[in-house]
Amino acid sequence: MTDALRQPPRQPGGRRPVEQARREAVIAATIAAIDEAGSLDVTVADIAARAGISPALIHHYFGSKDDVMIAAMRRLLRQYRGEVARRLAVADGPRQRLAAVVAGSFAPSQFSRESVSAWLVFYLYARRSGEAARLLRIYFRRLETNLVSALRPLVGMPRAARVAAATGAMIDGVWLRQALTPLTLPDPKGAAEMVERFIDAELNQ
């Protein structure tokens, strides 16, 4: 049997299962380390110890520590996009589409202690990282687009844009408040209901 036949199949993008699993372990370890430190003051050695691999492998797979941080941000954004997309796919009508965006923004996979802590740190990280700032702009743009698309049939333009901006600010504000009260466990359902009440008040004006 040739060496090529002995190799395990590659994942999409050319990565083998072991490599992909290690990458995912590193990203999960990065988010956990950030949560514990409450800042970017974590080392590749800290991350490697949590992931159960050597620092050299992290550098091999990702490059620098900044590259690991960006990979963690990308993973959180993919999770967010997936949570919202799944809910939008089954939403019936514009008001339900609004609810889908809100529910996706506070999905348990997103509105968890580790994710909230990581996003607070990544917001600060974006002040010195151009790529991190670009990823945040993508998030803001996607959230605004989804909200405006659902609101336009209900209130028309330009009011849809104004309500979308206020709703997006409230979503981010709920996240920020949670990040600044780490002893309080995240409540995805309660957070979504708070934003829903705000939207209802705006629509009923």
N, C-alpha and C. Protein backbone atom coordinates (compact mmCIF):
# COMPACT_ATOMS: atom_id res chain seq x y z
N MET A 1 0.86 -1.20 0.00
CA MET A 1 0.00 0.00 0.00
C MET A 1 0.89 1.24 0.00
N THR A 2 0.56 2.22 -0.83
CA THR A 2 1.38 3.41 -0.92
C THR A 2 1.11 4.32 0.26
N ASP A 3 2.05 5.28 0.46
CA ASP A 3 1.85 6.25 1.55
C ASP A 3 0.56 7.03 1.34
N ALA A 4 0.26 7.36 0.09
CA ALA A 4 -0.94 8.15 -0.18
C ALA A 4 -2.19 7.40 0.27
N LEU A 5 -2.19 6.06 0.07
CA LEU A 5 -3.37 5.28 0.47
C LEU A 5 -3.46 5.13 1.98
N ARG A 6 -2.33 5.22 2.66
CA ARG A 6 -2.35 5.09 4.11
C ARG A 6 -2.87 6.35 4.80
N GLN A 7 -2.83 7.48 4.11
CA GLN A 7 -3.21 8.75 4.73
C GLN A 7 -4.72 8.79 4.94
N PRO A 8 -5.18 9.31 6.10
CA PRO A 8 -6.62 9.46 6.32
C PRO A 8 -7.19 10.49 5.37
N PRO A 9 -8.49 10.41 5.06
CA PRO A 9 -9.10 11.38 4.15
C PRO A 9 -9.00 12.78 4.70
N ARG A 10 -8.88 13.73 3.80
CA ARG A 10 -8.81 15.13 4.20
C ARG A 10 -10.20 15.71 4.37
N GLN A 11 -10.31 16.66 5.27
CA GLN A 11 -11.54 17.40 5.46
C GLN A 11 -11.64 18.46 4.38
N PRO A 12 -12.83 19.07 4.22
CA PRO A 12 -12.94 20.20 3.28
C PRO A 12 -11.87 21.24 3.59
N GLY A 13 -11.24 21.74 2.54
CA GLY A 13 -10.15 22.69 2.73
C GLY A 13 -8.81 22.00 2.80
N GLY A 14 -8.79 20.66 2.65
CA GLY A 14 -7.52 19.96 2.60
C GLY A 14 -6.95 19.53 3.93
N ARG A 15 -7.70 19.70 5.02
CA ARG A 15 -7.19 19.33 6.34
C ARG A 15 -7.62 17.92 6.70
N ARG A 16 -6.72 17.19 7.32
CA ARG A 16 -7.04 15.85 7.78
C ARG A 16 -7.78 15.92 9.11
N PRO A 17 -8.54 14.86 9.45
CA PRO A 17 -9.36 14.89 10.68
C PRO A 17 -8.56 15.21 11.93
N VAL A 18 -7.36 14.65 12.08
CA VAL A 18 -6.57 14.90 13.29
C VAL A 18 -6.19 16.37 13.37
N GLU A 19 -5.75 16.92 12.25
CA GLU A 19 -5.37 18.34 12.24
C GLU A 19 -6.57 19.22 12.57
N GLN A 20 -7.72 18.91 11.96
CA GLN A 20 -8.91 19.72 12.21
C GLN A 20 -9.32 19.64 13.68
N ALA A 21 -9.25 18.45 14.26
CA ALA A 21 -9.61 18.28 15.67
C ALA A 21 -8.67 19.08 16.56
N ARG A 22 -7.38 19.08 16.22
CA ARG A 22 -6.42 19.85 17.02
C ARG A 22 -6.68 21.34 16.90
N ARG A 23 -7.00 21.80 15.71
CA ARG A 23 -7.31 23.21 15.52
C ARG A 23 -8.52 23.62 16.37
N GLU A 24 -9.56 22.79 16.33
CA GLU A 24 -10.75 23.09 17.12
C GLU A 24 -10.45 23.09 18.61
N ALA A 25 -9.59 22.15 19.04
CA ALA A 25 -9.20 22.10 20.45
C ALA A 25 -8.45 23.37 20.85
N VAL A 26 -7.59 23.85 19.97
CA VAL A 26 -6.83 25.08 20.25
C VAL A 26 -7.76 26.28 20.37
N ILE A 27 -8.73 26.36 19.46
CA ILE A 27 -9.66 27.50 19.49
C ILE A 27 -10.51 27.46 20.76
N ALA A 28 -11.00 26.27 21.13
CA ALA A 28 -11.78 26.15 22.36
C ALA A 28 -10.93 26.50 23.58
N ALA A 29 -9.68 26.07 23.57
CA ALA A 29 -8.77 26.39 24.68
C ALA A 29 -8.49 27.87 24.75
N THR A 30 -8.40 28.52 23.60
CA THR A 30 -8.16 29.97 23.57
C THR A 30 -9.31 30.72 24.21
N ILE A 31 -10.53 30.36 23.86
CA ILE A 31 -11.71 31.03 24.42
C ILE A 31 -11.78 30.80 25.93
N ALA A 32 -11.48 29.58 26.36
CA ALA A 32 -11.50 29.27 27.80
C ALA A 32 -10.43 30.05 28.54
N ALA A 33 -9.24 30.15 27.95
CA ALA A 33 -8.15 30.89 28.59
C ALA A 33 -8.46 32.37 28.70
N ILE A 34 -9.08 32.93 27.67
CA ILE A 34 -9.47 34.34 27.71
C ILE A 34 -10.52 34.57 28.79
N ASP A 35 -11.46 33.64 28.90
CA ASP A 35 -12.50 33.76 29.93
C ASP A 35 -11.87 33.78 31.32
N GLU A 36 -10.92 32.89 31.56
CA GLU A 36 -10.29 32.82 32.88
C GLU A 36 -9.45 34.06 33.16
N ALA A 37 -8.71 34.55 32.16
CA ALA A 37 -7.83 35.71 32.37
C ALA A 37 -8.61 37.02 32.33
N GLY A 38 -9.71 37.04 31.60
CA GLY A 38 -10.46 38.28 31.44
C GLY A 38 -9.77 39.29 30.57
N SER A 39 -8.81 38.83 29.78
CA SER A 39 -8.04 39.72 28.91
C SER A 39 -7.30 38.88 27.88
N LEU A 40 -6.54 39.57 27.03
CA LEU A 40 -5.69 38.87 26.08
C LEU A 40 -4.35 38.47 26.69
N ASP A 41 -4.23 38.65 27.98
CA ASP A 41 -2.98 38.34 28.66
C ASP A 41 -2.85 36.84 28.89
N VAL A 42 -2.91 36.10 27.79
CA VAL A 42 -2.71 34.65 27.83
C VAL A 42 -1.58 34.33 26.86
N THR A 43 -0.87 33.27 27.13
CA THR A 43 0.26 32.90 26.28
C THR A 43 -0.08 31.68 25.44
N VAL A 44 0.71 31.48 24.40
CA VAL A 44 0.55 30.28 23.59
C VAL A 44 0.77 29.04 24.44
N ALA A 45 1.69 29.13 25.40
CA ALA A 45 1.94 28.00 26.30
C ALA A 45 0.70 27.69 27.14
N ASP A 46 -0.01 28.74 27.62
CA ASP A 46 -1.26 28.53 28.37
C ASP A 46 -2.29 27.80 27.51
N ILE A 47 -2.43 28.26 26.28
CA ILE A 47 -3.41 27.67 25.36
C ILE A 47 -3.03 26.22 25.05
N ALA A 48 -1.75 26.00 24.81
CA ALA A 48 -1.28 24.66 24.47
C ALA A 48 -1.54 23.68 25.61
N ALA A 49 -1.32 24.13 26.83
CA ALA A 49 -1.55 23.25 27.99
C ALA A 49 -3.02 22.87 28.09
N ARG A 50 -3.92 23.83 27.83
CA ARG A 50 -5.35 23.53 27.88
C ARG A 50 -5.76 22.59 26.76
N ALA A 51 -5.15 22.79 25.59
CA ALA A 51 -5.53 21.99 24.42
C ALA A 51 -4.87 20.61 24.42
N GLY A 52 -3.85 20.43 25.26
CA GLY A 52 -3.16 19.15 25.32
C GLY A 52 -2.23 18.89 24.16
N ILE A 53 -1.69 19.98 23.57
CA ILE A 53 -0.72 19.82 22.50
C ILE A 53 0.46 20.74 22.79
N SER A 54 1.50 20.65 21.99
CA SER A 54 2.68 21.46 22.23
C SER A 54 2.52 22.86 21.64
N PRO A 55 3.20 23.87 22.23
CA PRO A 55 3.17 25.21 21.63
C PRO A 55 3.67 25.22 20.19
N ALA A 56 4.61 24.34 19.88
CA ALA A 56 5.16 24.29 18.52
C ALA A 56 4.07 23.93 17.52
N LEU A 57 3.17 23.02 17.91
CA LEU A 57 2.08 22.64 17.00
C LEU A 57 1.12 23.80 16.77
N ILE A 58 0.88 24.58 17.82
CA ILE A 58 0.01 25.74 17.64
C ILE A 58 0.61 26.70 16.63
N HIS A 59 1.90 26.96 16.76
CA HIS A 59 2.57 27.84 15.80
C HIS A 59 2.53 27.23 14.40
N HIS A 60 2.64 25.91 14.33
CA HIS A 60 2.60 25.24 13.03
C HIS A 60 1.24 25.39 12.37
N TYR A 61 0.17 25.20 13.16
CA TYR A 61 -1.17 25.25 12.61
C TYR A 61 -1.67 26.66 12.35
N PHE A 62 -1.31 27.60 13.22
CA PHE A 62 -1.90 28.93 13.15
C PHE A 62 -0.90 30.03 12.82
N GLY A 63 0.33 29.91 13.28
CA GLY A 63 1.29 30.99 13.14
C GLY A 63 1.47 31.68 14.48
N SER A 64 1.14 32.96 14.54
CA SER A 64 1.35 33.74 15.75
C SER A 64 0.16 33.65 16.70
N LYS A 65 0.33 34.20 17.90
CA LYS A 65 -0.78 34.27 18.85
C LYS A 65 -1.93 35.09 18.28
N ASP A 66 -1.62 36.16 17.58
CA ASP A 66 -2.67 36.96 16.96
C ASP A 66 -3.49 36.13 15.99
N ASP A 67 -2.85 35.24 15.25
CA ASP A 67 -3.58 34.39 14.32
C ASP A 67 -4.54 33.45 15.06
N VAL A 68 -4.14 33.00 16.25
CA VAL A 68 -5.02 32.15 17.06
C VAL A 68 -6.23 32.95 17.51
N MET A 69 -6.01 34.20 17.94
CA MET A 69 -7.12 35.05 18.38
C MET A 69 -8.11 35.29 17.25
N ILE A 70 -7.60 35.56 16.07
CA ILE A 70 -8.48 35.80 14.92
C ILE A 70 -9.27 34.53 14.59
N ALA A 71 -8.62 33.37 14.69
CA ALA A 71 -9.32 32.11 14.44
C ALA A 71 -10.45 31.92 15.44
N ALA A 72 -10.24 32.29 16.69
CA ALA A 72 -11.29 32.18 17.70
C ALA A 72 -12.45 33.12 17.38
N MET A 73 -12.14 34.33 16.94
CA MET A 73 -13.20 35.27 16.56
C MET A 73 -14.01 34.72 15.39
N ARG A 74 -13.31 34.18 14.41
CA ARG A 74 -14.00 33.62 13.24
C ARG A 74 -14.94 32.48 13.65
N ARG A 75 -14.48 31.66 14.58
CA ARG A 75 -15.33 30.54 15.02
C ARG A 75 -16.60 31.06 15.67
N LEU A 76 -16.48 32.06 16.55
CA LEU A 76 -17.66 32.62 17.21
C LEU A 76 -18.61 33.24 16.20
N LEU A 77 -18.06 33.90 15.19
CA LEU A 77 -18.90 34.50 14.16
C LEU A 77 -19.61 33.44 13.33
N ARG A 78 -18.93 32.34 13.03
CA ARG A 78 -19.57 31.25 12.30
C ARG A 78 -20.71 30.66 13.12
N GLN A 79 -20.48 30.49 14.41
CA GLN A 79 -21.54 29.97 15.27
C GLN A 79 -22.73 30.92 15.28
N TYR A 80 -22.47 32.21 15.41
CA TYR A 80 -23.54 33.20 15.40
C TYR A 80 -24.33 33.15 14.10
N ARG A 81 -23.61 33.13 12.98
CA ARG A 81 -24.27 33.09 11.68
C ARG A 81 -25.14 31.84 11.55
N GLY A 82 -24.63 30.71 12.03
CA GLY A 82 -25.40 29.47 11.95
C GLY A 82 -26.66 29.50 12.80
N GLU A 83 -26.53 30.05 14.03
CA GLU A 83 -27.69 30.12 14.92
C GLU A 83 -28.80 30.98 14.31
N VAL A 84 -28.43 32.12 13.75
CA VAL A 84 -29.43 33.01 13.15
C VAL A 84 -30.00 32.38 11.89
N ALA A 85 -29.15 31.81 11.05
CA ALA A 85 -29.61 31.24 9.78
C ALA A 85 -30.59 30.10 10.00
N ARG A 86 -30.33 29.25 10.98
CA ARG A 86 -31.25 28.14 11.25
C ARG A 86 -32.62 28.64 11.66
N ARG A 87 -32.66 29.69 12.44
CA ARG A 87 -33.94 30.23 12.88
C ARG A 87 -34.66 30.98 11.76
N LEU A 88 -33.91 31.71 10.95
CA LEU A 88 -34.53 32.42 9.83
C LEU A 88 -35.13 31.44 8.82
N ALA A 89 -34.52 30.29 8.68
CA ALA A 89 -34.99 29.32 7.68
C ALA A 89 -36.40 28.82 7.98
N VAL A 90 -36.81 28.87 9.23
CA VAL A 90 -38.15 28.37 9.59
C VAL A 90 -39.07 29.50 10.05
N ALA A 91 -38.62 30.74 9.95
CA ALA A 91 -39.45 31.88 10.38
C ALA A 91 -40.55 32.14 9.36
N ASP A 92 -41.74 32.42 9.83
CA ASP A 92 -42.90 32.65 8.97
C ASP A 92 -43.35 34.10 9.11
N GLY A 93 -42.92 34.93 8.22
CA GLY A 93 -43.33 36.33 8.24
C GLY A 93 -42.29 37.23 8.87
N PRO A 94 -42.41 38.55 8.66
CA PRO A 94 -41.40 39.50 9.12
C PRO A 94 -41.23 39.56 10.63
N ARG A 95 -42.35 39.49 11.38
CA ARG A 95 -42.20 39.58 12.84
C ARG A 95 -41.48 38.34 13.38
N GLN A 96 -41.74 37.20 12.78
CA GLN A 96 -41.04 35.99 13.20
C GLN A 96 -39.57 36.03 12.79
N ARG A 97 -39.30 36.71 11.68
CA ARG A 97 -37.90 36.87 11.27
C ARG A 97 -37.14 37.75 12.27
N LEU A 98 -37.80 38.77 12.76
CA LEU A 98 -37.20 39.59 13.81
C LEU A 98 -36.89 38.76 15.04
N ALA A 99 -37.86 37.96 15.44
CA ALA A 99 -37.67 37.10 16.61
C ALA A 99 -36.53 36.12 16.38
N ALA A 100 -36.39 35.65 15.15
CA ALA A 100 -35.32 34.70 14.84
C ALA A 100 -33.95 35.34 15.01
N VAL A 101 -33.82 36.58 14.57
CA VAL A 101 -32.54 37.29 14.71
C VAL A 101 -32.20 37.50 16.18
N VAL A 102 -33.21 37.89 16.95
CA VAL A 102 -32.99 38.12 18.38
C VAL A 102 -32.63 36.81 19.08
N ALA A 103 -33.41 35.76 18.81
CA ALA A 103 -33.15 34.47 19.45
C ALA A 103 -31.77 33.93 19.08
N GLY A 104 -31.38 34.11 17.82
CA GLY A 104 -30.05 33.66 17.40
C GLY A 104 -28.94 34.44 18.08
N SER A 105 -29.19 35.71 18.34
CA SER A 105 -28.18 36.54 19.01
C SER A 105 -27.96 36.12 20.46
N PHE A 106 -28.98 35.48 21.05
CA PHE A 106 -28.87 35.04 22.44
C PHE A 106 -28.98 33.52 22.56
N ALA A 107 -28.62 32.81 21.50
CA ALA A 107 -28.63 31.34 21.55
C ALA A 107 -27.68 30.87 22.64
N PRO A 108 -28.01 29.77 23.33
CA PRO A 108 -27.13 29.29 24.40
C PRO A 108 -25.69 29.09 23.98
N SER A 109 -25.45 28.70 22.73
CA SER A 109 -24.07 28.53 22.27
C SER A 109 -23.34 29.86 22.17
N GLN A 110 -24.10 30.95 22.04
CA GLN A 110 -23.51 32.28 21.94
C GLN A 110 -23.48 33.00 23.29
N PHE A 111 -24.63 33.02 23.96
CA PHE A 111 -24.77 33.79 25.19
C PHE A 111 -24.39 32.92 26.38
N SER A 112 -23.16 32.45 26.36
CA SER A 112 -22.59 31.67 27.46
C SER A 112 -21.50 32.50 28.14
N ARG A 113 -21.10 32.11 29.33
CA ARG A 113 -20.10 32.88 30.05
C ARG A 113 -18.81 33.02 29.26
N GLU A 114 -18.34 31.91 28.69
CA GLU A 114 -17.08 31.95 27.95
C GLU A 114 -17.18 32.83 26.72
N SER A 115 -18.27 32.69 25.96
CA SER A 115 -18.42 33.48 24.74
C SER A 115 -18.56 34.97 25.04
N VAL A 116 -19.34 35.30 26.07
CA VAL A 116 -19.51 36.70 26.43
C VAL A 116 -18.19 37.31 26.85
N SER A 117 -17.43 36.60 27.67
CA SER A 117 -16.13 37.09 28.11
C SER A 117 -15.19 37.27 26.93
N ALA A 118 -15.20 36.30 26.00
CA ALA A 118 -14.32 36.38 24.84
C ALA A 118 -14.67 37.58 23.97
N TRP A 119 -15.97 37.82 23.75
CA TRP A 119 -16.35 38.94 22.89
C TRP A 119 -15.98 40.29 23.50
N LEU A 120 -16.09 40.42 24.83
CA LEU A 120 -15.68 41.67 25.45
C LEU A 120 -14.20 41.94 25.18
N VAL A 121 -13.39 40.90 25.32
CA VAL A 121 -11.96 41.04 25.06
C VAL A 121 -11.69 41.32 23.59
N PHE A 122 -12.43 40.67 22.70
CA PHE A 122 -12.21 40.87 21.28
C PHE A 122 -12.61 42.29 20.84
N TYR A 123 -13.59 42.88 21.50
CA TYR A 123 -13.93 44.27 21.19
C TYR A 123 -12.73 45.18 21.47
N LEU A 124 -12.07 44.94 22.58
CA LEU A 124 -10.87 45.73 22.90
C LEU A 124 -9.74 45.40 21.94
N TYR A 125 -9.62 44.14 21.58
CA TYR A 125 -8.58 43.68 20.66
C TYR A 125 -8.72 44.38 19.31
N ALA A 126 -9.96 44.64 18.89
CA ALA A 126 -10.20 45.27 17.59
C ALA A 126 -9.63 46.69 17.52
N ARG A 127 -9.32 47.29 18.66
CA ARG A 127 -8.74 48.64 18.65
C ARG A 127 -7.29 48.63 18.15
N ARG A 128 -6.65 47.45 18.20
CA ARG A 128 -5.27 47.40 17.73
C ARG A 128 -5.05 46.39 16.61
N SER A 129 -6.09 45.66 16.26
CA SER A 129 -5.97 44.67 15.19
C SER A 129 -6.91 45.04 14.05
N GLY A 130 -6.37 45.31 12.88
CA GLY A 130 -7.19 45.64 11.74
C GLY A 130 -8.10 44.50 11.33
N GLU A 131 -7.62 43.26 11.41
CA GLU A 131 -8.45 42.12 11.03
C GLU A 131 -9.57 41.90 12.02
N ALA A 132 -9.29 42.08 13.30
CA ALA A 132 -10.35 41.95 14.30
C ALA A 132 -11.42 43.02 14.09
N ALA A 133 -10.99 44.23 13.78
CA ALA A 133 -11.94 45.31 13.52
C ALA A 133 -12.79 44.99 12.29
N ARG A 134 -12.18 44.40 11.28
CA ARG A 134 -12.92 44.04 10.07
C ARG A 134 -13.98 42.97 10.39
N LEU A 135 -13.62 41.99 11.21
CA LEU A 135 -14.57 40.95 11.58
C LEU A 135 -15.76 41.52 12.37
N LEU A 136 -15.48 42.49 13.23
CA LEU A 136 -16.57 43.13 13.97
C LEU A 136 -17.48 43.91 13.04
N ARG A 137 -16.91 44.55 12.03
CA ARG A 137 -17.73 45.27 11.06
C ARG A 137 -18.63 44.31 10.30
N ILE A 138 -18.13 43.14 10.00
CA ILE A 138 -18.94 42.12 9.33
C ILE A 138 -20.13 41.74 10.22
N TYR A 139 -19.85 41.55 11.51
CA TYR A 139 -20.93 41.21 12.45
C TYR A 139 -21.97 42.31 12.50
N PHE A 140 -21.52 43.56 12.66
CA PHE A 140 -22.45 44.69 12.75
C PHE A 140 -23.30 44.78 11.48
N ARG A 141 -22.64 44.64 10.33
CA ARG A 141 -23.35 44.76 9.06
C ARG A 141 -24.37 43.64 8.88
N ARG A 142 -24.01 42.43 9.26
CA ARG A 142 -24.93 41.30 9.11
C ARG A 142 -26.14 41.46 10.03
N LEU A 143 -25.88 41.88 11.28
CA LEU A 143 -26.99 42.09 12.21
C LEU A 143 -27.92 43.17 11.69
N GLU A 144 -27.37 44.30 11.24
CA GLU A 144 -28.20 45.39 10.74
C GLU A 144 -28.99 44.96 9.51
N THR A 145 -28.36 44.24 8.60
CA THR A 145 -29.04 43.80 7.38
C THR A 145 -30.22 42.89 7.71
N ASN A 146 -30.00 41.94 8.61
CA ASN A 146 -31.08 41.03 8.99
C ASN A 146 -32.23 41.77 9.66
N LEU A 147 -31.90 42.72 10.52
CA LEU A 147 -32.95 43.47 11.22
C LEU A 147 -33.74 44.36 10.26
N VAL A 148 -33.03 45.08 9.40
CA VAL A 148 -33.71 45.96 8.45
C VAL A 148 -34.60 45.15 7.51
N SER A 149 -34.11 44.00 7.05
CA SER A 149 -34.89 43.16 6.14
C SER A 149 -36.20 42.72 6.78
N ALA A 150 -36.17 42.40 8.06
CA ALA A 150 -37.40 41.99 8.75
C ALA A 150 -38.30 43.17 9.09
N LEU A 151 -37.71 44.31 9.39
CA LEU A 151 -38.49 45.47 9.81
C LEU A 151 -39.12 46.23 8.65
N ARG A 152 -38.51 46.20 7.48
CA ARG A 152 -39.01 47.01 6.37
C ARG A 152 -40.48 46.73 6.04
N PRO A 153 -40.92 45.47 5.96
CA PRO A 153 -42.34 45.24 5.67
C PRO A 153 -43.27 45.71 6.79
N LEU A 154 -42.74 45.89 7.98
CA LEU A 154 -43.58 46.26 9.13
C LEU A 154 -43.71 47.77 9.31
N VAL A 155 -42.62 48.50 9.08
CA VAL A 155 -42.64 49.94 9.35
C VAL A 155 -42.14 50.79 8.19
N GLY A 156 -41.66 50.15 7.12
CA GLY A 156 -41.15 50.89 5.98
C GLY A 156 -39.82 51.55 6.26
N MET A 157 -39.28 52.16 5.23
CA MET A 157 -38.03 52.91 5.35
C MET A 157 -38.36 54.39 5.38
N PRO A 158 -37.63 55.25 6.10
CA PRO A 158 -36.36 54.95 6.77
C PRO A 158 -36.51 54.48 8.22
N ARG A 159 -37.78 54.34 8.68
CA ARG A 159 -37.96 53.97 10.08
C ARG A 159 -37.34 52.60 10.39
N ALA A 160 -37.38 51.69 9.44
CA ALA A 160 -36.80 50.36 9.66
C ALA A 160 -35.33 50.47 10.03
N ALA A 161 -34.62 51.38 9.36
CA ALA A 161 -33.19 51.55 9.64
C ALA A 161 -32.98 52.08 11.05
N ARG A 162 -33.85 53.01 11.49
CA ARG A 162 -33.70 53.59 12.82
C ARG A 162 -33.99 52.55 13.91
N VAL A 163 -35.06 51.78 13.72
CA VAL A 163 -35.41 50.76 14.72
C VAL A 163 -34.35 49.65 14.73
N ALA A 164 -33.83 49.31 13.56
CA ALA A 164 -32.77 48.29 13.49
C ALA A 164 -31.53 48.75 14.24
N ALA A 165 -31.16 50.01 14.07
CA ALA A 165 -29.98 50.53 14.77
C ALA A 165 -30.18 50.49 16.27
N ALA A 166 -31.37 50.89 16.72
CA ALA A 166 -31.65 50.88 18.16
C ALA A 166 -31.69 49.45 18.70
N THR A 167 -32.26 48.54 17.94
CA THR A 167 -32.34 47.14 18.38
C THR A 167 -30.95 46.52 18.44
N GLY A 168 -30.12 46.79 17.43
CA GLY A 168 -28.76 46.29 17.45
C GLY A 168 -27.97 46.82 18.64
N ALA A 169 -28.17 48.11 18.94
CA ALA A 169 -27.48 48.71 20.09
C ALA A 169 -27.95 48.06 21.38
N MET A 170 -29.24 47.74 21.47
CA MET A 170 -29.74 47.11 22.69
C MET A 170 -29.19 45.70 22.84
N ILE A 171 -29.14 44.95 21.75
CA ILE A 171 -28.56 43.61 21.80
C ILE A 171 -27.12 43.67 22.31
N ASP A 172 -26.34 44.57 21.74
CA ASP A 172 -24.94 44.71 22.17
C ASP A 172 -24.87 45.18 23.62
N GLY A 173 -25.82 46.04 24.02
CA GLY A 173 -25.82 46.53 25.40
C GLY A 173 -26.12 45.42 26.41
N VAL A 174 -27.02 44.53 26.05
CA VAL A 174 -27.32 43.40 26.94
C VAL A 174 -26.09 42.51 27.08
N TRP A 175 -25.40 42.29 25.97
CA TRP A 175 -24.15 41.52 26.01
C TRP A 175 -23.11 42.20 26.91
N LEU A 176 -22.98 43.52 26.74
CA LEU A 176 -21.99 44.26 27.52
C LEU A 176 -22.32 44.19 29.01
N ARG A 177 -23.59 44.37 29.36
CA ARG A 177 -23.97 44.31 30.77
C ARG A 177 -23.65 42.93 31.35
N GLN A 178 -23.91 41.89 30.56
CA GLN A 178 -23.60 40.54 31.03
C GLN A 178 -22.09 40.37 31.23
N ALA A 179 -21.30 40.93 30.30
CA ALA A 179 -19.84 40.81 30.41
C ALA A 179 -19.31 41.52 31.65
N LEU A 180 -19.98 42.58 32.06
CA LEU A 180 -19.53 43.37 33.21
C LEU A 180 -20.11 42.88 34.53
N THR A 181 -20.96 41.85 34.47
CA THR A 181 -21.49 41.23 35.69
C THR A 181 -21.23 39.73 35.62
N PRO A 182 -19.95 39.33 35.65
CA PRO A 182 -19.58 37.93 35.41
C PRO A 182 -20.11 36.95 36.46
N LEU A 183 -20.49 37.45 37.64
CA LEU A 183 -21.02 36.54 38.66
C LEU A 183 -22.47 36.16 38.41
N THR A 184 -23.12 36.87 37.49
CA THR A 184 -24.49 36.56 37.12
C THR A 184 -24.49 35.62 35.93
N LEU A 185 -25.14 34.49 36.06
CA LEU A 185 -25.16 33.52 34.96
C LEU A 185 -25.96 34.08 33.78
N PRO A 186 -25.47 33.89 32.56
CA PRO A 186 -26.22 34.34 31.38
C PRO A 186 -27.59 33.68 31.31
N ASP A 187 -28.60 34.46 30.93
CA ASP A 187 -29.97 33.98 30.82
C ASP A 187 -30.44 34.25 29.38
N PRO A 188 -30.16 33.33 28.45
CA PRO A 188 -30.51 33.57 27.04
C PRO A 188 -31.98 33.91 26.83
N LYS A 189 -32.87 33.17 27.48
CA LYS A 189 -34.30 33.40 27.30
C LYS A 189 -34.71 34.78 27.82
N GLY A 190 -34.23 35.12 29.02
CA GLY A 190 -34.57 36.42 29.59
C GLY A 190 -34.01 37.57 28.77
N ALA A 191 -32.80 37.40 28.25
CA ALA A 191 -32.18 38.45 27.44
C ALA A 191 -32.98 38.67 26.15
N ALA A 192 -33.36 37.58 25.50
CA ALA A 192 -34.13 37.70 24.26
C ALA A 192 -35.49 38.35 24.54
N GLU A 193 -36.12 37.99 25.62
CA GLU A 193 -37.43 38.58 25.95
C GLU A 193 -37.31 40.08 26.21
N MET A 194 -36.21 40.51 26.81
CA MET A 194 -36.01 41.93 27.06
C MET A 194 -35.95 42.71 25.75
N VAL A 195 -35.21 42.19 24.79
CA VAL A 195 -35.10 42.86 23.49
C VAL A 195 -36.43 42.79 22.75
N GLU A 196 -37.13 41.67 22.87
CA GLU A 196 -38.43 41.54 22.21
C GLU A 196 -39.42 42.59 22.73
N ARG A 197 -39.40 42.85 24.04
CA ARG A 197 -40.29 43.87 24.59
C ARG A 197 -39.95 45.24 24.02
N PHE A 198 -38.69 45.52 23.85
CA PHE A 198 -38.26 46.78 23.24
C PHE A 198 -38.79 46.90 21.81
N ILE A 199 -38.65 45.82 21.04
CA ILE A 199 -39.12 45.84 19.64
C ILE A 199 -40.62 46.05 19.59
N ASP A 200 -41.35 45.35 20.44
CA ASP A 200 -42.81 45.51 20.46
C ASP A 200 -43.20 46.95 20.78
N ALA A 201 -42.51 47.56 21.73
CA ALA A 201 -42.80 48.95 22.08
C ALA A 201 -42.54 49.87 20.88
N GLU A 202 -41.47 49.61 20.14
CA GLU A 202 -41.16 50.43 18.96
C GLU A 202 -42.21 50.23 17.87
N LEU A 203 -42.62 48.99 17.67
CA LEU A 203 -43.61 48.73 16.60
C LEU A 203 -44.98 49.27 16.94
N ASN A 204 -45.28 49.42 18.21
CA ASN A 204 -46.61 49.88 18.62
C ASN A 204 -46.72 51.39 18.74
N GLN A 205 -45.65 52.09 18.46
CA GLN A 205 -45.69 53.57 18.55
C GLN A 205 -46.53 54.14 17.41
